[in-house]
Amino acid sequence: MIVEVYVTPKKGVLDPQGKAVAHGLNSLGFNVVKDARVGKLITLKLEGGLKKDLNAEIEEMCKKLLANTVIEDFSFSIKEA
């Protein structure tokens, strides 16, 4: 099973990397870009030994290690391998 975890800065949290991306795209002539937010994608390959509630276990992984929940939001999707 494959889990994709998406971690992004919370709204209202300064995102200097996103600002740099938006500025760079504008400098290249892509003036339609008004803002950018940069996050990360974490792909996990899971097999066996999982708790009964997979969603709860993945959420716990995110809260304990994969995302800084003070300044980041997360979501995830589960796919069959």
Protein backbone atom coordinates (compact mmCIF):
# COMPACT_ATOMS: atom_id res chain seq x y z
CA MET A 1 0.00 0.00 0.00
CA ILE A 2 1.22 3.49 -0.86
CA VAL A 3 0.42 6.56 1.24
CA GLU A 4 1.06 10.05 -0.08
CA VAL A 5 1.28 12.71 2.64
CA TYR A 6 0.99 16.35 1.58
CA VAL A 7 2.42 18.93 4.00
CA THR A 8 1.90 22.65 3.38
CA PRO A 9 2.38 25.83 5.40
CA LYS A 10 -0.76 26.97 7.18
CA LYS A 11 -2.50 30.02 5.79
CA GLY A 12 -1.09 33.10 7.43
CA VAL A 13 2.34 31.53 7.99
CA LEU A 14 5.16 33.23 6.11
CA ASP A 15 6.35 31.11 3.16
CA PRO A 16 9.59 32.64 1.86
CA GLN A 17 10.15 29.77 -0.56
CA GLY A 18 6.69 30.30 -2.03
CA LYS A 19 7.37 34.04 -2.37
CA ALA A 20 10.65 33.28 -4.18
CA VAL A 21 8.87 30.90 -6.57
CA ALA A 22 6.15 33.44 -7.35
CA HIS A 23 8.74 36.19 -7.88
CA GLY A 24 10.88 33.94 -10.09
CA LEU A 25 7.93 32.96 -12.26
CA ASN A 26 6.92 36.63 -12.60
CA SER A 27 10.50 37.47 -13.60
CA LEU A 28 10.29 34.84 -16.32
CA GLY A 29 7.17 36.48 -17.73
CA PHE A 30 4.52 34.32 -16.06
CA ASN A 31 2.61 37.30 -14.74
CA VAL A 32 -0.55 35.29 -14.10
CA VAL A 33 1.08 33.89 -10.93
CA LYS A 34 0.00 36.07 -8.03
CA ASP A 35 1.06 33.81 -5.14
CA ALA A 36 2.71 30.45 -4.55
CA ARG A 37 2.87 28.17 -1.53
CA VAL A 38 5.54 25.48 -1.40
CA GLY A 39 5.03 22.28 0.54
CA LYS A 40 6.32 18.77 0.46
CA LEU A 41 5.13 15.35 -0.65
CA ILE A 42 6.13 12.35 1.43
CA THR A 43 5.51 8.91 -0.08
CA LEU A 44 5.31 5.96 2.28
CA LYS A 45 5.24 2.30 1.25
CA LEU A 46 3.41 0.30 3.92
CA GLU A 47 3.08 -3.42 4.38
CA GLY A 48 1.69 -5.63 7.14
CA GLY A 49 1.53 -5.00 10.85
CA LEU A 50 -0.79 -2.03 10.62
CA LYS A 51 -3.29 -1.16 13.30
CA LYS A 52 -6.97 -1.71 12.62
CA ASP A 53 -7.65 1.95 11.77
CA LEU A 54 -5.13 2.85 9.06
CA ASN A 55 -6.34 6.47 8.77
CA ALA A 56 -5.79 7.05 12.48
CA GLU A 57 -2.32 5.50 12.33
CA ILE A 58 -1.26 7.68 9.39
CA GLU A 59 -2.65 10.77 11.11
CA GLU A 60 -0.60 9.89 14.19
CA MET A 61 2.55 9.56 12.00
CA CYS A 62 1.89 13.01 10.59
CA LYS A 63 1.32 14.63 13.96
CA LYS A 64 4.33 13.00 15.62
CA LEU A 65 6.95 13.38 12.88
CA LEU A 66 5.96 14.25 9.32
CA ALA A 67 4.38 17.68 9.91
CA ASN A 68 4.98 20.50 12.37
CA THR A 69 1.32 21.00 13.23
CA VAL A 70 2.00 24.44 14.74
CA ILE A 71 2.84 25.91 11.33
CA GLU A 72 1.88 23.19 8.82
CA ASP A 73 -1.28 21.48 7.62
CA PHE A 74 -1.30 17.95 6.24
CA SER A 75 -3.51 15.65 4.25
CA PHE A 76 -2.95 12.19 2.83
CA SER A 77 -4.25 9.71 0.31
CA ILE A 78 -4.03 5.92 0.44
CA LYS A 79 -3.48 3.91 -2.74
CA GLU A 80 -3.07 0.23 -3.43
CA ALA A 81 0.47 -0.66 -4.52
